[in-house]
Amino acid sequence: MKKVLFATPLVFLLGACGAPSVETLMENPDQLEKVSVECMEKAAQGRDANTEACNNAAEAQRRLGENMMRHLLR
């Protein structure tokens, strides 16, 4: 438990330096939603949404959907 409490702030500090990873987004649905909304807004405004963060969010959504389908088919 102590390791988790120590690692959590570290993950957030490292995440602030660049685009969140696919794994980070899969573990944090609020952050996934935030990045996805930002990407949709960029696309709606005609701005480039082909960024690492947007690509990672799309991949995280794909993997989560795949995991849910796999779980439902068991």
PDB file of N, CA and C in Angstrom:
ATOM      1  N   MET A   1       0.828  -1.189   0.000  1.00  0.00           N
ATOM      2  CA  MET A   1       0.000   0.000   0.000  1.00  0.00           C
ATOM      3  C   MET A   1       0.871   1.252   0.000  1.00  0.00           C
ATOM      4  N   LYS A   2       1.954   1.217   0.750  1.00  0.00           N
ATOM      5  CA  LYS A   2       2.849   2.365   0.808  1.00  0.00           C
ATOM      6  C   LYS A   2       3.473   2.646  -0.556  1.00  0.00           C
ATOM      7  N   LYS A   3       3.759   1.578  -1.300  1.00  0.00           N
ATOM      8  CA  LYS A   3       4.343   1.752  -2.625  1.00  0.00           C
ATOM      9  C   LYS A   3       3.369   2.459  -3.559  1.00  0.00           C
ATOM     10  N   VAL A   4       2.093   2.111  -3.450  1.00  0.00           N
ATOM     11  CA  VAL A   4       1.077   2.735  -4.295  1.00  0.00           C
ATOM     12  C   VAL A   4       0.966   4.219  -3.963  1.00  0.00           C
ATOM     13  N   LEU A   5       0.962   4.542  -2.683  1.00  0.00           N
ATOM     14  CA  LEU A   5       0.865   5.939  -2.269  1.00  0.00           C
ATOM     15  C   LEU A   5       2.087   6.743  -2.703  1.00  0.00           C
ATOM     16  N   PHE A   6       3.229   6.100  -2.744  1.00  0.00           N
ATOM     17  CA  PHE A   6       4.443   6.770  -3.191  1.00  0.00           C
ATOM     18  C   PHE A   6       4.454   6.929  -4.710  1.00  0.00           C
ATOM     19  N   ALA A   7       3.999   5.914  -5.420  1.00  0.00           N
ATOM     20  CA  ALA A   7       4.070   5.919  -6.876  1.00  0.00           C
ATOM     21  C   ALA A   7       3.034   6.833  -7.520  1.00  0.00           C
ATOM     22  N   THR A   8       1.882   7.012  -6.888  1.00  0.00           N
ATOM     23  CA  THR A   8       0.813   7.809  -7.490  1.00  0.00           C
ATOM     24  C   THR A   8       1.243   9.237  -7.796  1.00  0.00           C
ATOM     25  N   PRO A   9       1.800   9.991  -6.844  1.00  0.00           N
ATOM     26  CA  PRO A   9       2.239  11.358  -7.190  1.00  0.00           C
ATOM     27  C   PRO A   9       3.339  11.358  -8.244  1.00  0.00           C
ATOM     28  N   LEU A  10       4.199  10.358  -8.217  1.00  0.00           N
ATOM     29  CA  LEU A  10       5.279  10.260  -9.183  1.00  0.00           C
ATOM     30  C   LEU A  10       4.718  10.084 -10.591  1.00  0.00           C
ATOM     31  N   VAL A  11       3.701   9.266 -10.724  1.00  0.00           N
ATOM     32  CA  VAL A  11       3.068   9.047 -12.029  1.00  0.00           C
ATOM     33  C   VAL A  11       2.476  10.349 -12.551  1.00  0.00           C
ATOM     34  N   PHE A  12       1.805  11.096 -11.684  1.00  0.00           N
ATOM     35  CA  PHE A  12       1.211  12.357 -12.115  1.00  0.00           C
ATOM     36  C   PHE A  12       2.282  13.380 -12.496  1.00  0.00           C
ATOM     37  N   LEU A  13       3.382  13.410 -11.778  1.00  0.00           N
ATOM     38  CA  LEU A  13       4.457  14.343 -12.117  1.00  0.00           C
ATOM     39  C   LEU A  13       5.084  13.988 -13.454  1.00  0.00           C
ATOM     40  N   LEU A  14       5.308  12.710 -13.688  1.00  0.00           N
ATOM     41  CA  LEU A  14       5.879  12.292 -14.955  1.00  0.00           C
ATOM     42  C   LEU A  14       4.890  12.505 -16.096  1.00  0.00           C
ATOM     43  N   GLY A  15       3.633  12.298 -15.827  1.00  0.00           N
ATOM     44  CA  GLY A  15       2.609  12.490 -16.844  1.00  0.00           C
ATOM     45  C   GLY A  15       2.464  13.933 -17.266  1.00  0.00           C
ATOM     46  N   ALA A  16       2.793  14.843 -16.387  1.00  0.00           N
ATOM     47  CA  ALA A  16       2.684  16.263 -16.707  1.00  0.00           C
ATOM     48  C   ALA A  16       3.765  16.702 -17.689  1.00  0.00           C
ATOM     49  N   CYS A  17       4.812  15.912 -17.819  1.00  0.00           N
ATOM     50  CA  CYS A  17       5.927  16.279 -18.694  1.00  0.00           C
ATOM     51  C   CYS A  17       5.655  15.984 -20.161  1.00  0.00           C
ATOM     52  N   GLY A  18       4.735  15.098 -20.453  1.00  0.00           N
ATOM     53  CA  GLY A  18       4.470  14.735 -21.838  1.00  0.00           C
ATOM     54  C   GLY A  18       3.085  14.136 -21.967  1.00  0.00           C
ATOM     55  N   ALA A  19       2.863  13.520 -23.093  1.00  0.00           N
ATOM     56  CA  ALA A  19       1.568  12.893 -23.345  1.00  0.00           C
ATOM     57  C   ALA A  19       1.406  11.681 -22.426  1.00  0.00           C
ATOM     58  N   PRO A  20       0.197  11.492 -21.890  1.00  0.00           N
ATOM     59  CA  PRO A  20      -0.024  10.321 -21.045  1.00  0.00           C
ATOM     60  C   PRO A  20       0.040   9.044 -21.869  1.00  0.00           C
ATOM     61  N   SER A  21       0.566   8.000 -21.255  1.00  0.00           N
ATOM     62  CA  SER A  21       0.688   6.730 -21.964  1.00  0.00           C
ATOM     63  C   SER A  21      -0.668   6.053 -22.070  1.00  0.00           C
ATOM     64  N   VAL A  22      -0.735   5.062 -22.924  1.00  0.00           N
ATOM     65  CA  VAL A  22      -1.965   4.285 -23.098  1.00  0.00           C
ATOM     66  C   VAL A  22      -2.342   3.629 -21.772  1.00  0.00           C
ATOM     67  N   GLU A  23      -1.363   3.067 -21.086  1.00  0.00           N
ATOM     68  CA  GLU A  23      -1.623   2.386 -19.823  1.00  0.00           C
ATOM     69  C   GLU A  23      -2.147   3.361 -18.770  1.00  0.00           C
ATOM     70  N   THR A  24      -1.569   4.552 -18.716  1.00  0.00           N
ATOM     71  CA  THR A  24      -2.017   5.558 -17.756  1.00  0.00           C
ATOM     72  C   THR A  24      -3.462   5.940 -18.038  1.00  0.00           C
ATOM     73  N   LEU A  25      -3.786   6.128 -19.296  1.00  0.00           N
ATOM     74  CA  LEU A  25      -5.151   6.501 -19.663  1.00  0.00           C
ATOM     75  C   LEU A  25      -6.137   5.378 -19.359  1.00  0.00           C
ATOM     76  N   MET A  26      -5.707   4.132 -19.536  1.00  0.00           N
ATOM     77  CA  MET A  26      -6.590   3.002 -19.241  1.00  0.00           C
ATOM     78  C   MET A  26      -6.863   2.902 -17.740  1.00  0.00           C
ATOM     79  N   GLU A  27      -5.899   3.278 -16.932  1.00  0.00           N
ATOM     80  CA  GLU A  27      -6.048   3.202 -15.481  1.00  0.00           C
ATOM     81  C   GLU A  27      -6.795   4.399 -14.906  1.00  0.00           C
ATOM     82  N   ASN A  28      -6.874   5.495 -15.660  1.00  0.00           N
ATOM     83  CA  ASN A  28      -7.483   6.718 -15.156  1.00  0.00           C
ATOM     84  C   ASN A  28      -8.563   7.194 -16.133  1.00  0.00           C
ATOM     85  N   PRO A  29      -9.803   6.726 -15.967  1.00  0.00           N
ATOM     86  CA  PRO A  29     -10.878   7.083 -16.893  1.00  0.00           C
ATOM     87  C   PRO A  29     -11.149   8.584 -16.970  1.00  0.00           C
ATOM     88  N   ASP A  30     -10.956   9.305 -15.876  1.00  0.00           N
ATOM     89  CA  ASP A  30     -11.183  10.754 -15.907  1.00  0.00           C
ATOM     90  C   ASP A  30     -10.190  11.441 -16.836  1.00  0.00           C
ATOM     91  N   GLN A  31      -8.949  11.021 -16.770  1.00  0.00           N
ATOM     92  CA  GLN A  31      -7.924  11.601 -17.633  1.00  0.00           C
ATOM     93  C   GLN A  31      -8.174  11.200 -19.090  1.00  0.00           C
ATOM     94  N   LEU A  32      -8.602   9.955 -19.312  1.00  0.00           N
ATOM     95  CA  LEU A  32      -8.931   9.500 -20.662  1.00  0.00           C
ATOM     96  C   LEU A  32     -10.053  10.346 -21.249  1.00  0.00           C
ATOM     97  N   GLU A  33     -11.076  10.608 -20.459  1.00  0.00           N
ATOM     98  CA  GLU A  33     -12.188  11.424 -20.924  1.00  0.00           C
ATOM     99  C   GLU A  33     -11.721  12.840 -21.259  1.00  0.00           C
ATOM    100  N   LYS A  34     -10.892  13.408 -20.397  1.00  0.00           N
ATOM    101  CA  LYS A  34     -10.406  14.774 -20.609  1.00  0.00           C
ATOM    102  C   LYS A  34      -9.607  14.873 -21.911  1.00  0.00           C
ATOM    103  N   VAL A  35      -8.699  13.933 -22.130  1.00  0.00           N
ATOM    104  CA  VAL A  35      -7.884  13.953 -23.345  1.00  0.00           C
ATOM    105  C   VAL A  35      -8.762  13.734 -24.574  1.00  0.00           C
ATOM    106  N   SER A  36      -9.721  12.821 -24.473  1.00  0.00           N
ATOM    107  CA  SER A  36     -10.609  12.542 -25.602  1.00  0.00           C
ATOM    108  C   SER A  36     -11.436  13.769 -25.978  1.00  0.00           C
ATOM    109  N   VAL A  37     -11.939  14.472 -24.978  1.00  0.00           N
ATOM    110  CA  VAL A  37     -12.731  15.682 -25.238  1.00  0.00           C
ATOM    111  C   VAL A  37     -11.854  16.746 -25.890  1.00  0.00           C
ATOM    112  N   GLU A  38     -10.634  16.914 -25.391  1.00  0.00           N
ATOM    113  CA  GLU A  38      -9.718  17.893 -25.980  1.00  0.00           C
ATOM    114  C   GLU A  38      -9.439  17.557 -27.448  1.00  0.00           C
ATOM    115  N   CYS A  39      -9.268  16.281 -27.738  1.00  0.00           N
ATOM    116  CA  CYS A  39      -8.987  15.862 -29.112  1.00  0.00           C
ATOM    117  C   CYS A  39     -10.197  16.091 -30.010  1.00  0.00           C
ATOM    118  N   MET A  40     -11.396  15.798 -29.507  1.00  0.00           N
ATOM    119  CA  MET A  40     -12.606  16.034 -30.293  1.00  0.00           C
ATOM    120  C   MET A  40     -12.793  17.522 -30.560  1.00  0.00           C
ATOM    121  N   GLU A  41     -12.492  18.347 -29.569  1.00  0.00           N
ATOM    122  CA  GLU A  41     -12.600  19.795 -29.754  1.00  0.00           C
ATOM    123  C   GLU A  41     -11.605  20.292 -30.795  1.00  0.00           C
ATOM    124  N   LYS A  42     -10.375  19.764 -30.751  1.00  0.00           N
ATOM    125  CA  LYS A  42      -9.373  20.137 -31.752  1.00  0.00           C
ATOM    126  C   LYS A  42      -9.866  19.773 -33.153  1.00  0.00           C
ATOM    127  N   ALA A  43     -10.377  18.567 -33.297  1.00  0.00           N
ATOM    128  CA  ALA A  43     -10.847  18.113 -34.606  1.00  0.00           C
ATOM    129  C   ALA A  43     -12.025  18.957 -35.083  1.00  0.00           C
ATOM    130  N   ALA A  44     -12.926  19.309 -34.175  1.00  0.00           N
ATOM    131  CA  ALA A  44     -14.091  20.117 -34.539  1.00  0.00           C
ATOM    132  C   ALA A  44     -13.677  21.517 -34.971  1.00  0.00           C
ATOM    133  N   GLN A  45     -12.582  22.019 -34.432  1.00  0.00           N
ATOM    134  CA  GLN A  45     -12.092  23.347 -34.783  1.00  0.00           C
ATOM    135  C   GLN A  45     -11.184  23.326 -36.011  1.00  0.00           C
ATOM    136  N   GLY A  46     -10.956  22.135 -36.545  1.00  0.00           N
ATOM    137  CA  GLY A  46     -10.111  22.020 -37.725  1.00  0.00           C
ATOM    138  C   GLY A  46      -8.631  22.004 -37.415  1.00  0.00           C
ATOM    139  N   ARG A  47      -8.294  21.887 -36.138  1.00  0.00           N
ATOM    140  CA  ARG A  47      -6.883  21.821 -35.744  1.00  0.00           C
ATOM    141  C   ARG A  47      -6.403  20.381 -35.818  1.00  0.00           C
ATOM    142  N   ASP A  48      -5.107  20.202 -35.831  1.00  0.00           N
ATOM    143  CA  ASP A  48      -4.508  18.879 -35.937  1.00  0.00           C
ATOM    144  C   ASP A  48      -4.736  18.080 -34.652  1.00  0.00           C
ATOM    145  N   ALA A  49      -5.449  16.988 -34.766  1.00  0.00           N
ATOM    146  CA  ALA A  49      -5.695  16.123 -33.614  1.00  0.00           C
ATOM    147  C   ALA A  49      -4.843  14.860 -33.687  1.00  0.00           C
ATOM    148  N   ASN A  50      -3.913  14.829 -34.615  1.00  0.00           N
ATOM    149  CA  ASN A  50      -3.033  13.677 -34.763  1.00  0.00           C
ATOM    150  C   ASN A  50      -1.788  13.877 -33.897  1.00  0.00           C
ATOM    151  N   THR A  51      -2.015  13.891 -32.579  1.00  0.00           N
ATOM    152  CA  THR A  51      -0.930  14.085 -31.625  1.00  0.00           C
ATOM    153  C   THR A  51      -0.718  12.787 -30.854  1.00  0.00           C
ATOM    154  N   GLU A  52       0.366  12.728 -30.132  1.00  0.00           N
ATOM    155  CA  GLU A  52       0.648  11.527 -29.342  1.00  0.00           C
ATOM    156  C   GLU A  52      -0.446  11.295 -28.299  1.00  0.00           C
ATOM    157  N   ALA A  53      -0.891  12.366 -27.651  1.00  0.00           N
ATOM    158  CA  ALA A  53      -1.938  12.235 -26.628  1.00  0.00           C
ATOM    159  C   ALA A  53      -3.236  11.715 -27.246  1.00  0.00           C
ATOM    160  N   CYS A  54      -3.615  12.261 -28.393  1.00  0.00           N
ATOM    161  CA  CYS A  54      -4.853  11.824 -29.051  1.00  0.00           C
ATOM    162  C   CYS A  54      -4.746  10.379 -29.532  1.00  0.00           C
ATOM    163  N   ASN A  55      -3.593  10.030 -30.084  1.00  0.00           N
ATOM    164  CA  ASN A  55      -3.388   8.653 -30.536  1.00  0.00           C
ATOM    165  C   ASN A  55      -3.403   7.679 -29.358  1.00  0.00           C
ATOM    166  N   ASN A  56      -2.795   8.078 -28.236  1.00  0.00           N
ATOM    167  CA  ASN A  56      -2.802   7.223 -27.048  1.00  0.00           C
ATOM    168  C   ASN A  56      -4.215   7.076 -26.483  1.00  0.00           C
ATOM    169  N   ALA A  57      -4.992   8.149 -26.517  1.00  0.00           N
ATOM    170  CA  ALA A  57      -6.374   8.086 -26.028  1.00  0.00           C
ATOM    171  C   ALA A  57      -7.202   7.152 -26.904  1.00  0.00           C
ATOM    172  N   ALA A  58      -7.022   7.238 -28.205  1.00  0.00           N
ATOM    173  CA  ALA A  58      -7.755   6.351 -29.119  1.00  0.00           C
ATOM    174  C   ALA A  58      -7.373   4.893 -28.881  1.00  0.00           C
ATOM    175  N   GLU A  59      -6.092   4.639 -28.688  1.00  0.00           N
ATOM    176  CA  GLU A  59      -5.635   3.269 -28.430  1.00  0.00           C
ATOM    177  C   GLU A  59      -6.159   2.759 -27.085  1.00  0.00           C
ATOM    178  N   ALA A  60      -6.173   3.614 -26.077  1.00  0.00           N
ATOM    179  CA  ALA A  60      -6.693   3.217 -24.760  1.00  0.00           C
ATOM    180  C   ALA A  60      -8.180   2.886 -24.857  1.00  0.00           C
ATOM    181  N   GLN A  61      -8.938   3.689 -25.595  1.00  0.00           N
ATOM    182  CA  GLN A  61     -10.360   3.407 -25.776  1.00  0.00           C
ATOM    183  C   GLN A  61     -10.559   2.091 -26.521  1.00  0.00           C
ATOM    184  N   ARG A  62      -9.739   1.849 -27.545  1.00  0.00           N
ATOM    185  CA  ARG A  62      -9.845   0.610 -28.309  1.00  0.00           C
ATOM    186  C   ARG A  62      -9.577  -0.604 -27.408  1.00  0.00           C
ATOM    187  N   ARG A  63      -8.509  -0.515 -26.609  1.00  0.00           N
ATOM    188  CA  ARG A  63      -8.150  -1.633 -25.725  1.00  0.00           C
ATOM    189  C   ARG A  63      -9.213  -1.860 -24.646  1.00  0.00           C
ATOM    190  N   LEU A  64      -9.743  -0.774 -24.084  1.00  0.00           N
ATOM    191  CA  LEU A  64     -10.786  -0.921 -23.065  1.00  0.00           C
ATOM    192  C   LEU A  64     -12.028  -1.572 -23.665  1.00  0.00           C
ATOM    193  N   GLY A  65     -12.400  -1.159 -24.857  1.00  0.00           N
ATOM    194  CA  GLY A  65     -13.544  -1.766 -25.529  1.00  0.00           C
ATOM    195  C   GLY A  65     -13.303  -3.232 -25.823  1.00  0.00           C
ATOM    196  N   GLU A  66     -12.107  -3.549 -26.260  1.00  0.00           N
ATOM    197  CA  GLU A  66     -11.739  -4.939 -26.541  1.00  0.00           C
ATOM    198  C   GLU A  66     -11.796  -5.773 -25.259  1.00  0.00           C
ATOM    199  N   ASN A  67     -11.289  -5.215 -24.158  1.00  0.00           N
ATOM    200  CA  ASN A  67     -11.319  -5.923 -22.875  1.00  0.00           C
ATOM    201  C   ASN A  67     -12.753  -6.160 -22.404  1.00  0.00           C
ATOM    202  N   MET A  68     -13.622  -5.165 -22.596  1.00  0.00           N
ATOM    203  CA  MET A  68     -15.027  -5.322 -22.188  1.00  0.00           C
ATOM    204  C   MET A  68     -15.707  -6.411 -23.010  1.00  0.00           C
ATOM    205  N   MET A  69     -15.458  -6.406 -24.315  1.00  0.00           N
ATOM    206  CA  MET A  69     -16.071  -7.417 -25.175  1.00  0.00           C
ATOM    207  C   MET A  69     -15.571  -8.809 -24.803  1.00  0.00           C
ATOM    208  N   ARG A  70     -14.282  -8.932 -24.539  1.00  0.00           N
ATOM    209  CA  ARG A  70     -13.717 -10.214 -24.151  1.00  0.00           C
ATOM    210  C   ARG A  70     -14.357 -10.704 -22.848  1.00  0.00           C
ATOM    211  N   HIS A  71     -14.563  -9.765 -21.909  1.00  0.00           N
ATOM    212  CA  HIS A  71     -15.171 -10.105 -20.629  1.00  0.00           C
ATOM    213  C   HIS A  71     -16.641 -10.526 -20.811  1.00  0.00           C
ATOM    214  N   LEU A  72     -17.351  -9.839 -21.674  1.00  0.00           N
ATOM    215  CA  LEU A  72     -18.764 -10.157 -21.902  1.00  0.00           C
ATOM    216  C   LEU A  72     -18.943 -11.505 -22.600  1.00  0.00           C
ATOM    217  N   LEU A  73     -17.986 -11.876 -23.425  1.00  0.00           N
ATOM    218  CA  LEU A  73     -18.107 -13.132 -24.171  1.00  0.00           C
ATOM    219  C   LEU A  73     -17.679 -14.349 -23.362  1.00  0.00           C
ATOM    220  N   ARG A  74     -17.184 -14.157 -22.170  1.00  0.00           N
ATOM    221  CA  ARG A  74     -16.780 -15.299 -21.322  1.00  0.00           C
ATOM    222  C   ARG A  74     -17.951 -16.011 -20.755  1.00  0.00           C
TER     223      ARG A  74
END
